[in-house]
Amino acid sequence: MRPYEKDPKAIYAESFATVAREADLTRFPHGLDKLATRVIHACGMVEIADRLAFSEQAFRKGAAALAAGAPILCDCEMVGAGIIRRYLPAENPVIV
């Protein structure tokens, strides 16, 4: 039995390692695989990967919109709070 992990950084890293081990992300193009990983991590459901839909240009157009400063629209405070602002390319506003 593994000891109870208490270090937040280790817990965070292990949760992403679990997604990498358990989720089949092979159908996602480069870039969208990282987005799918974040969605899985956020909801805690590996099986959601099979339910995610995307267009061929989704990653390219989404990245361009963010780079141009497009806002990020969220349907609840928890989602908005979970966005790591320092990773946004243009100090994009987050609107809940």
PDB file of N, CA and C in Angstrom:
ATOM      1  N   MET A   1       0.836  -1.183   0.000  1.00  0.00           N
ATOM      2  CA  MET A   1       0.000   0.000   0.000  1.00  0.00           C
ATOM      3  C   MET A   1       0.880   1.245   0.000  1.00  0.00           C
ATOM      4  N   ARG A   2       0.545   2.179  -0.899  1.00  0.00           N
ATOM      5  CA  ARG A   2       1.307   3.425  -0.974  1.00  0.00           C
ATOM      6  C   ARG A   2       0.925   4.338   0.187  1.00  0.00           C
ATOM      7  N   PRO A   3       1.887   5.101   0.687  1.00  0.00           N
ATOM      8  CA  PRO A   3       1.556   6.050   1.753  1.00  0.00           C
ATOM      9  C   PRO A   3       0.643   7.154   1.213  1.00  0.00           C
ATOM     10  N   TYR A   4      -0.135   7.738   2.083  1.00  0.00           N
ATOM     11  CA  TYR A   4      -1.045   8.821   1.734  1.00  0.00           C
ATOM     12  C   TYR A   4      -0.239  10.030   1.300  1.00  0.00           C
ATOM     13  N   GLU A   5      -0.457  10.485   0.072  1.00  0.00           N
ATOM     14  CA  GLU A   5       0.282  11.637  -0.460  1.00  0.00           C
ATOM     15  C   GLU A   5      -0.334  12.927   0.054  1.00  0.00           C
ATOM     16  N   LYS A   6       0.505  13.818   0.552  1.00  0.00           N
ATOM     17  CA  LYS A   6       0.024  15.075   1.104  1.00  0.00           C
ATOM     18  C   LYS A   6       0.559  16.294   0.352  1.00  0.00           C
ATOM     19  N   ASP A   7       1.559  16.099  -0.480  1.00  0.00           N
ATOM     20  CA  ASP A   7       2.171  17.211  -1.207  1.00  0.00           C
ATOM     21  C   ASP A   7       1.298  17.598  -2.403  1.00  0.00           C
ATOM     22  N   PRO A   8       0.764  18.830  -2.430  1.00  0.00           N
ATOM     23  CA  PRO A   8      -0.128  19.237  -3.523  1.00  0.00           C
ATOM     24  C   PRO A   8       0.488  19.102  -4.913  1.00  0.00           C
ATOM     25  N   LYS A   9       1.769  19.424  -5.053  1.00  0.00           N
ATOM     26  CA  LYS A   9       2.424  19.307  -6.369  1.00  0.00           C
ATOM     27  C   LYS A   9       2.495  17.850  -6.813  1.00  0.00           C
ATOM     28  N   ALA A  10       2.777  16.965  -5.885  1.00  0.00           N
ATOM     29  CA  ALA A  10       2.839  15.540  -6.217  1.00  0.00           C
ATOM     30  C   ALA A  10       1.456  14.998  -6.572  1.00  0.00           C
ATOM     31  N   ILE A  11       0.441  15.434  -5.862  1.00  0.00           N
ATOM     32  CA  ILE A  11      -0.936  15.013  -6.151  1.00  0.00           C
ATOM     33  C   ILE A  11      -1.338  15.489  -7.538  1.00  0.00           C
ATOM     34  N   TYR A  12      -1.037  16.726  -7.847  1.00  0.00           N
ATOM     35  CA  TYR A  12      -1.344  17.314  -9.156  1.00  0.00           C
ATOM     36  C   TYR A  12      -0.648  16.522 -10.272  1.00  0.00           C
ATOM     37  N   ALA A  13       0.638  16.266 -10.090  1.00  0.00           N
ATOM     38  CA  ALA A  13       1.400  15.519 -11.100  1.00  0.00           C
ATOM     39  C   ALA A  13       0.861  14.103 -11.263  1.00  0.00           C
ATOM     40  N   GLU A  14       0.536  13.455 -10.187  1.00  0.00           N
ATOM     41  CA  GLU A  14       0.025  12.086 -10.255  1.00  0.00           C
ATOM     42  C   GLU A  14      -1.339  12.038 -10.930  1.00  0.00           C
ATOM     43  N   SER A  15      -2.160  13.052 -10.717  1.00  0.00           N
ATOM     44  CA  SER A  15      -3.480  13.046 -11.358  1.00  0.00           C
ATOM     45  C   SER A  15      -3.342  13.162 -12.874  1.00  0.00           C
ATOM     46  N   PHE A  16      -2.389  13.945 -13.360  1.00  0.00           N
ATOM     47  CA  PHE A  16      -2.151  14.017 -14.804  1.00  0.00           C
ATOM     48  C   PHE A  16      -1.508  12.733 -15.321  1.00  0.00           C
ATOM     49  N   ALA A  17      -0.668  12.106 -14.519  1.00  0.00           N
ATOM     50  CA  ALA A  17      -0.077  10.818 -14.912  1.00  0.00           C
ATOM     51  C   ALA A  17      -1.165   9.757 -15.044  1.00  0.00           C
ATOM     52  N   THR A  18      -2.154   9.806 -14.177  1.00  0.00           N
ATOM     53  CA  THR A  18      -3.280   8.872 -14.254  1.00  0.00           C
ATOM     54  C   THR A  18      -4.052   9.070 -15.556  1.00  0.00           C
ATOM     55  N   VAL A  19      -4.314  10.319 -15.920  1.00  0.00           N
ATOM     56  CA  VAL A  19      -4.998  10.596 -17.190  1.00  0.00           C
ATOM     57  C   VAL A  19      -4.174  10.051 -18.349  1.00  0.00           C
ATOM     58  N   ALA A  20      -2.872  10.285 -18.337  1.00  0.00           N
ATOM     59  CA  ALA A  20      -2.006   9.807 -19.420  1.00  0.00           C
ATOM     60  C   ALA A  20      -2.037   8.285 -19.534  1.00  0.00           C
ATOM     61  N   ARG A  21      -2.105   7.601 -18.398  1.00  0.00           N
ATOM     62  CA  ARG A  21      -2.138   6.128 -18.404  1.00  0.00           C
ATOM     63  C   ARG A  21      -3.481   5.580 -18.861  1.00  0.00           C
ATOM     64  N   GLU A  22      -4.554   6.226 -18.457  1.00  0.00           N
ATOM     65  CA  GLU A  22      -5.881   5.632 -18.618  1.00  0.00           C
ATOM     66  C   GLU A  22      -6.693   6.152 -19.799  1.00  0.00           C
ATOM     67  N   ALA A  23      -6.381   7.324 -20.297  1.00  0.00           N
ATOM     68  CA  ALA A  23      -7.191   7.908 -21.380  1.00  0.00           C
ATOM     69  C   ALA A  23      -6.585   7.580 -22.740  1.00  0.00           C
ATOM     70  N   ASP A  24      -7.436   7.249 -23.693  1.00  0.00           N
ATOM     71  CA  ASP A  24      -6.998   7.046 -25.067  1.00  0.00           C
ATOM     72  C   ASP A  24      -7.150   8.373 -25.803  1.00  0.00           C
ATOM     73  N   LEU A  25      -6.029   9.031 -26.033  1.00  0.00           N
ATOM     74  CA  LEU A  25      -6.039  10.339 -26.681  1.00  0.00           C
ATOM     75  C   LEU A  25      -5.525  10.275 -28.111  1.00  0.00           C
ATOM     76  N   THR A  26      -5.432   9.080 -28.657  1.00  0.00           N
ATOM     77  CA  THR A  26      -4.828   8.906 -29.975  1.00  0.00           C
ATOM     78  C   THR A  26      -5.609   9.575 -31.100  1.00  0.00           C
ATOM     79  N   ARG A  27      -6.892   9.793 -30.942  1.00  0.00           N
ATOM     80  CA  ARG A  27      -7.678  10.405 -32.020  1.00  0.00           C
ATOM     81  C   ARG A  27      -7.552  11.922 -32.063  1.00  0.00           C
ATOM     82  N   PHE A  28      -6.926  12.506 -31.054  1.00  0.00           N
ATOM     83  CA  PHE A  28      -6.799  13.955 -30.987  1.00  0.00           C
ATOM     84  C   PHE A  28      -5.511  14.420 -31.659  1.00  0.00           C
ATOM     85  N   PRO A  29      -5.609  15.451 -32.514  1.00  0.00           N
ATOM     86  CA  PRO A  29      -4.385  16.004 -33.097  1.00  0.00           C
ATOM     87  C   PRO A  29      -3.558  16.727 -32.034  1.00  0.00           C
ATOM     88  N   HIS A  30      -2.291  16.962 -32.367  1.00  0.00           N
ATOM     89  CA  HIS A  30      -1.386  17.658 -31.450  1.00  0.00           C
ATOM     90  C   HIS A  30      -2.025  18.986 -31.021  1.00  0.00           C
ATOM     91  N   GLY A  31      -1.983  19.268 -29.778  1.00  0.00           N
ATOM     92  CA  GLY A  31      -2.584  20.477 -29.226  1.00  0.00           C
ATOM     93  C   GLY A  31      -3.925  20.154 -28.594  1.00  0.00           C
ATOM     94  N   LEU A  32      -4.793  19.531 -29.358  1.00  0.00           N
ATOM     95  CA  LEU A  32      -6.093  19.154 -28.796  1.00  0.00           C
ATOM     96  C   LEU A  32      -5.944  18.014 -27.801  1.00  0.00           C
ATOM     97  N   ASP A  33      -4.882  17.231 -27.917  1.00  0.00           N
ATOM     98  CA  ASP A  33      -4.647  16.188 -26.922  1.00  0.00           C
ATOM     99  C   ASP A  33      -4.410  16.799 -25.547  1.00  0.00           C
ATOM    100  N   LYS A  34      -3.728  17.937 -25.521  1.00  0.00           N
ATOM    101  CA  LYS A  34      -3.489  18.628 -24.242  1.00  0.00           C
ATOM    102  C   LYS A  34      -4.789  19.212 -23.690  1.00  0.00           C
ATOM    103  N   LEU A  35      -5.631  19.742 -24.577  1.00  0.00           N
ATOM    104  CA  LEU A  35      -6.925  20.262 -24.159  1.00  0.00           C
ATOM    105  C   LEU A  35      -7.799  19.140 -23.612  1.00  0.00           C
ATOM    106  N   ALA A  36      -7.822  18.007 -24.312  1.00  0.00           N
ATOM    107  CA  ALA A  36      -8.606  16.851 -23.846  1.00  0.00           C
ATOM    108  C   ALA A  36      -8.106  16.389 -22.476  1.00  0.00           C
ATOM    109  N   THR A  37      -6.797  16.387 -22.287  1.00  0.00           N
ATOM    110  CA  THR A  37      -6.227  16.002 -20.992  1.00  0.00           C
ATOM    111  C   THR A  37      -6.740  16.915 -19.892  1.00  0.00           C
ATOM    112  N   ARG A  38      -6.785  18.212 -20.154  1.00  0.00           N
ATOM    113  CA  ARG A  38      -7.273  19.176 -19.154  1.00  0.00           C
ATOM    114  C   ARG A  38      -8.759  18.970 -18.860  1.00  0.00           C
ATOM    115  N   VAL A  39      -9.540  18.679 -19.894  1.00  0.00           N
ATOM    116  CA  VAL A  39     -10.975  18.435 -19.686  1.00  0.00           C
ATOM    117  C   VAL A  39     -11.161  17.194 -18.818  1.00  0.00           C
ATOM    118  N   ILE A  40     -10.438  16.137 -19.137  1.00  0.00           N
ATOM    119  CA  ILE A  40     -10.522  14.894 -18.357  1.00  0.00           C
ATOM    120  C   ILE A  40     -10.105  15.156 -16.909  1.00  0.00           C
ATOM    121  N   HIS A  41      -9.014  15.862 -16.737  1.00  0.00           N
ATOM    122  CA  HIS A  41      -8.520  16.162 -15.397  1.00  0.00           C
ATOM    123  C   HIS A  41      -9.546  16.978 -14.613  1.00  0.00           C
ATOM    124  N   ALA A  42     -10.149  17.954 -15.275  1.00  0.00           N
ATOM    125  CA  ALA A  42     -11.102  18.834 -14.593  1.00  0.00           C
ATOM    126  C   ALA A  42     -12.355  18.101 -14.133  1.00  0.00           C
ATOM    127  N   CYS A  43     -12.842  17.177 -14.955  1.00  0.00           N
ATOM    128  CA  CYS A  43     -14.095  16.508 -14.581  1.00  0.00           C
ATOM    129  C   CYS A  43     -13.862  15.161 -13.901  1.00  0.00           C
ATOM    130  N   GLY A  44     -12.635  14.638 -13.981  1.00  0.00           N
ATOM    131  CA  GLY A  44     -12.330  13.367 -13.327  1.00  0.00           C
ATOM    132  C   GLY A  44     -12.934  12.161 -14.018  1.00  0.00           C
ATOM    133  N   MET A  45     -13.220  12.293 -15.310  1.00  0.00           N
ATOM    134  CA  MET A  45     -13.859  11.206 -16.050  1.00  0.00           C
ATOM    135  C   MET A  45     -13.042  10.867 -17.303  1.00  0.00           C
ATOM    136  N   VAL A  46     -12.268   9.805 -17.239  1.00  0.00           N
ATOM    137  CA  VAL A  46     -11.442   9.401 -18.374  1.00  0.00           C
ATOM    138  C   VAL A  46     -12.301   9.111 -19.605  1.00  0.00           C
ATOM    139  N   GLU A  47     -13.493   8.563 -19.374  1.00  0.00           N
ATOM    140  CA  GLU A  47     -14.368   8.174 -20.488  1.00  0.00           C
ATOM    141  C   GLU A  47     -14.923   9.368 -21.272  1.00  0.00           C
ATOM    142  N   ILE A  48     -14.767  10.570 -20.758  1.00  0.00           N
ATOM    143  CA  ILE A  48     -15.260  11.746 -21.477  1.00  0.00           C
ATOM    144  C   ILE A  48     -14.495  11.945 -22.783  1.00  0.00           C
ATOM    145  N   ALA A  49     -13.295  11.421 -22.890  1.00  0.00           N
ATOM    146  CA  ALA A  49     -12.501  11.562 -24.116  1.00  0.00           C
ATOM    147  C   ALA A  49     -13.251  11.038 -25.330  1.00  0.00           C
ATOM    148  N   ASP A  50     -14.023   9.983 -25.149  1.00  0.00           N
ATOM    149  CA  ASP A  50     -14.787   9.413 -26.259  1.00  0.00           C
ATOM    150  C   ASP A  50     -15.963  10.287 -26.665  1.00  0.00           C
ATOM    151  N   ARG A  51     -16.316  11.257 -25.843  1.00  0.00           N
ATOM    152  CA  ARG A  51     -17.490  12.090 -26.105  1.00  0.00           C
ATOM    153  C   ARG A  51     -17.138  13.494 -26.575  1.00  0.00           C
ATOM    154  N   LEU A  52     -15.867  13.819 -26.612  1.00  0.00           N
ATOM    155  CA  LEU A  52     -15.454  15.155 -27.036  1.00  0.00           C
ATOM    156  C   LEU A  52     -15.467  15.247 -28.557  1.00  0.00           C
ATOM    157  N   ALA A  53     -16.063  16.311 -29.067  1.00  0.00           N
ATOM    158  CA  ALA A  53     -16.128  16.537 -30.515  1.00  0.00           C
ATOM    159  C   ALA A  53     -15.311  17.781 -30.856  1.00  0.00           C
ATOM    160  N   PHE A  54     -14.749  17.797 -32.049  1.00  0.00           N
ATOM    161  CA  PHE A  54     -13.947  18.939 -32.478  1.00  0.00           C
ATOM    162  C   PHE A  54     -13.894  18.962 -33.999  1.00  0.00           C
ATOM    163  N   SER A  55     -13.645  20.147 -34.537  1.00  0.00           N
ATOM    164  CA  SER A  55     -13.499  20.281 -35.982  1.00  0.00           C
ATOM    165  C   SER A  55     -12.020  20.179 -36.351  1.00  0.00           C
ATOM    166  N   GLU A  56     -11.767  20.025 -37.622  1.00  0.00           N
ATOM    167  CA  GLU A  56     -10.394  19.870 -38.107  1.00  0.00           C
ATOM    168  C   GLU A  56      -9.530  21.091 -37.780  1.00  0.00           C
ATOM    169  N   GLN A  57     -10.131  22.264 -37.797  1.00  0.00           N
ATOM    170  CA  GLN A  57      -9.380  23.505 -37.567  1.00  0.00           C
ATOM    171  C   GLN A  57      -9.504  24.033 -36.135  1.00  0.00           C
ATOM    172  N   ALA A  58     -10.092  23.261 -35.251  1.00  0.00           N
ATOM    173  CA  ALA A  58     -10.399  23.749 -33.900  1.00  0.00           C
ATOM    174  C   ALA A  58      -9.179  24.291 -33.168  1.00  0.00           C
ATOM    175  N   PHE A  59      -8.103  23.538 -33.168  1.00  0.00           N
ATOM    176  CA  PHE A  59      -6.928  23.977 -32.407  1.00  0.00           C
ATOM    177  C   PHE A  59      -6.332  25.244 -33.007  1.00  0.00           C
ATOM    178  N   ARG A  60      -6.128  25.261 -34.316  1.00  0.00           N
ATOM    179  CA  ARG A  60      -5.512  26.411 -34.979  1.00  0.00           C
ATOM    180  C   ARG A  60      -6.351  27.669 -34.776  1.00  0.00           C
ATOM    181  N   LYS A  61      -7.665  27.554 -34.984  1.00  0.00           N
ATOM    182  CA  LYS A  61      -8.528  28.725 -34.855  1.00  0.00           C
ATOM    183  C   LYS A  61      -8.673  29.173 -33.401  1.00  0.00           C
ATOM    184  N   GLY A  62      -8.742  28.224 -32.490  1.00  0.00           N
ATOM    185  CA  GLY A  62      -8.823  28.572 -31.075  1.00  0.00           C
ATOM    186  C   GLY A  62      -7.567  29.274 -30.596  1.00  0.00           C
ATOM    187  N   ALA A  63      -6.405  28.758 -30.997  1.00  0.00           N
ATOM    188  CA  ALA A  63      -5.137  29.377 -30.601  1.00  0.00           C
ATOM    189  C   ALA A  63      -5.024  30.781 -31.187  1.00  0.00           C
ATOM    190  N   ALA A  64      -5.450  30.956 -32.440  1.00  0.00           N
ATOM    191  CA  ALA A  64      -5.402  32.280 -33.068  1.00  0.00           C
ATOM    192  C   ALA A  64      -6.327  33.260 -32.356  1.00  0.00           C
ATOM    193  N   ALA A  65      -7.515  32.805 -31.975  1.00  0.00           N
ATOM    194  CA  ALA A  65      -8.457  33.671 -31.267  1.00  0.00           C
ATOM    195  C   ALA A  65      -7.889  34.103 -29.916  1.00  0.00           C
ATOM    196  N   LEU A  66      -7.300  33.166 -29.192  1.00  0.00           N
ATOM    197  CA  LEU A  66      -6.703  33.518 -27.900  1.00  0.00           C
ATOM    198  C   LEU A  66      -5.538  34.486 -28.081  1.00  0.00           C
ATOM    199  N   ALA A  67      -4.706  34.239 -29.084  1.00  0.00           N
ATOM    200  CA  ALA A  67      -3.567  35.123 -29.344  1.00  0.00           C
ATOM    201  C   ALA A  67      -4.024  36.534 -29.700  1.00  0.00           C
ATOM    202  N   ALA A  68      -5.201  36.636 -30.318  1.00  0.00           N
ATOM    203  CA  ALA A  68      -5.752  37.942 -30.689  1.00  0.00           C
ATOM    204  C   ALA A  68      -6.482  38.615 -29.531  1.00  0.00           C
ATOM    205  N   GLY A  69      -6.528  37.957 -28.380  1.00  0.00           N
ATOM    206  CA  GLY A  69      -7.139  38.567 -27.198  1.00  0.00           C
ATOM    207  C   GLY A  69      -8.598  38.228 -26.968  1.00  0.00           C
ATOM    208  N   ALA A  70      -9.110  37.233 -27.659  1.00  0.00           N
ATOM    209  CA  ALA A  70     -10.515  36.848 -27.487  1.00  0.00           C
ATOM    210  C   ALA A  70     -10.799  36.491 -26.032  1.00  0.00           C
ATOM    211  N   PRO A  71     -11.998  36.829 -25.559  1.00  0.00           N
ATOM    212  CA  PRO A  71     -12.347  36.463 -24.184  1.00  0.00           C
ATOM    213  C   PRO A  71     -12.629  34.970 -24.067  1.00  0.00           C
ATOM    214  N   ILE A  72     -12.544  34.481 -22.870  1.00  0.00           N
ATOM    215  CA  ILE A  72     -12.878  33.093 -22.564  1.00  0.00           C
ATOM    216  C   ILE A  72     -14.211  33.129 -21.819  1.00  0.00           C
ATOM    217  N   LEU A  73     -15.194  32.440 -22.363  1.00  0.00           N
ATOM    218  CA  LEU A  73     -16.525  32.424 -21.768  1.00  0.00           C
ATOM    219  C   LEU A  73     -16.708  31.161 -20.941  1.00  0.00           C
ATOM    220  N   CYS A  74     -17.141  31.322 -19.702  1.00  0.00           N
ATOM    221  CA  CYS A  74     -17.334  30.190 -18.793  1.00  0.00           C
ATOM    222  C   CYS A  74     -18.766  30.182 -18.295  1.00  0.00           C
ATOM    223  N   ASP A  75     -19.292  28.994 -18.057  1.00  0.00           N
ATOM    224  CA  ASP A  75     -20.676  28.884 -17.606  1.00  0.00           C
ATOM    225  C   ASP A  75     -20.831  28.864 -16.090  1.00  0.00           C
ATOM    226  N   CYS A  76     -19.734  28.831 -15.363  1.00  0.00           N
ATOM    227  CA  CYS A  76     -19.844  28.859 -13.904  1.00  0.00           C
ATOM    228  C   CYS A  76     -18.554  29.391 -13.289  1.00  0.00           C
ATOM    229  N   GLU A  77     -18.658  29.885 -12.060  1.00  0.00           N
ATOM    230  CA  GLU A  77     -17.506  30.465 -11.354  1.00  0.00           C
ATOM    231  C   GLU A  77     -16.365  29.469 -11.196  1.00  0.00           C
ATOM    232  N   MET A  78     -16.699  28.198 -10.942  1.00  0.00           N
ATOM    233  CA  MET A  78     -15.656  27.201 -10.718  1.00  0.00           C
ATOM    234  C   MET A  78     -14.772  27.038 -11.959  1.00  0.00           C
ATOM    235  N   VAL A  79     -15.373  27.037 -13.133  1.00  0.00           N
ATOM    236  CA  VAL A  79     -14.598  26.918 -14.369  1.00  0.00           C
ATOM    237  C   VAL A  79     -13.724  28.157 -14.541  1.00  0.00           C
ATOM    238  N   GLY A  80     -14.304  29.319 -14.339  1.00  0.00           N
ATOM    239  CA  GLY A  80     -13.532  30.548 -14.459  1.00  0.00           C
ATOM    240  C   GLY A  80     -12.370  30.602 -13.484  1.00  0.00           C
ATOM    241  N   ALA A  81     -12.590  30.140 -12.270  1.00  0.00           N
ATOM    242  CA  ALA A  81     -11.531  30.140 -11.259  1.00  0.00           C
ATOM    243  C   ALA A  81     -10.427  29.155 -11.598  1.00  0.00           C
ATOM    244  N   GLY A  82     -10.757  28.131 -12.368  1.00  0.00           N
ATOM    245  CA  GLY A  82      -9.773  27.108 -12.709  1.00  0.00           C
ATOM    246  C   GLY A  82      -8.858  27.479 -13.863  1.00  0.00           C
ATOM    247  N   ILE A  83      -9.127  28.587 -14.525  1.00  0.00           N
ATOM    248  CA  ILE A  83      -8.293  29.007 -15.650  1.00  0.00           C
ATOM    249  C   ILE A  83      -7.019  29.644 -15.116  1.00  0.00           C
ATOM    250  N   ILE A  84      -5.895  29.119 -15.526  1.00  0.00           N
ATOM    251  CA  ILE A  84      -4.599  29.629 -15.061  1.00  0.00           C
ATOM    252  C   ILE A  84      -4.231  30.820 -15.945  1.00  0.00           C
ATOM    253  N   ARG A  85      -4.439  32.001 -15.426  1.00  0.00           N
ATOM    254  CA  ARG A  85      -4.286  33.233 -16.212  1.00  0.00           C
ATOM    255  C   ARG A  85      -2.889  33.418 -16.790  1.00  0.00           C
ATOM    256  N   ARG A  86      -1.865  32.981 -16.090  1.00  0.00           N
ATOM    257  CA  ARG A  86      -0.506  33.216 -16.582  1.00  0.00           C
ATOM    258  C   ARG A  86      -0.217  32.461 -17.883  1.00  0.00           C
ATOM    259  N   TYR A  87      -1.035  31.478 -18.218  1.00  0.00           N
ATOM    260  CA  TYR A  87      -0.849  30.738 -19.464  1.00  0.00           C
ATOM    261  C   TYR A  87      -1.601  31.344 -20.641  1.00  0.00           C
ATOM    262  N   LEU A  88      -2.403  32.346 -20.396  1.00  0.00           N
ATOM    263  CA  LEU A  88      -3.153  32.972 -21.477  1.00  0.00           C
ATOM    264  C   LEU A  88      -2.214  33.859 -22.296  1.00  0.00           C
ATOM    265  N   PRO A  89      -2.318  33.797 -23.620  1.00  0.00           N
ATOM    266  CA  PRO A  89      -1.342  34.490 -24.462  1.00  0.00           C
ATOM    267  C   PRO A  89      -1.519  36.006 -24.541  1.00  0.00           C
ATOM    268  N   ALA A  90      -2.694  36.526 -24.222  1.00  0.00           N
ATOM    269  CA  ALA A  90      -2.925  37.959 -24.422  1.00  0.00           C
ATOM    270  C   ALA A  90      -3.716  38.575 -23.278  1.00  0.00           C
ATOM    271  N   GLU A  91      -3.474  38.102 -22.053  1.00  0.00           N
ATOM    272  CA  GLU A  91      -4.223  38.594 -20.899  1.00  0.00           C
ATOM    273  C   GLU A  91      -5.722  38.593 -21.198  1.00  0.00           C
ATOM    274  N   ASN A  92      -6.165  37.510 -21.810  1.00  0.00           N
ATOM    275  CA  ASN A  92      -7.552  37.365 -22.239  1.00  0.00           C
ATOM    276  C   ASN A  92      -8.492  37.527 -21.059  1.00  0.00           C
ATOM    277  N   PRO A  93      -9.575  38.293 -21.237  1.00  0.00           N
ATOM    278  CA  PRO A  93     -10.569  38.382 -20.167  1.00  0.00           C
ATOM    279  C   PRO A  93     -11.309  37.063 -20.001  1.00  0.00           C
ATOM    280  N   VAL A  94     -11.610  36.730 -18.772  1.00  0.00           N
ATOM    281  CA  VAL A  94     -12.399  35.535 -18.469  1.00  0.00           C
ATOM    282  C   VAL A  94     -13.751  36.026 -18.016  1.00  0.00           C
ATOM    283  N   ILE A  95     -14.780  35.656 -18.764  1.00  0.00           N
ATOM    284  CA  ILE A  95     -16.136  36.122 -18.483  1.00  0.00           C
ATOM    285  C   ILE A  95     -16.985  34.941 -18.025  1.00  0.00           C
ATOM    286  N   VAL A  96     -17.559  35.088 -16.838  1.00  0.00           N
ATOM    287  CA  VAL A  96     -18.415  34.026 -16.290  1.00  0.00           C
ATOM    288  C   VAL A  96     -19.863  34.471 -16.450  1.00  0.00           C
TER     289      VAL A  96
END
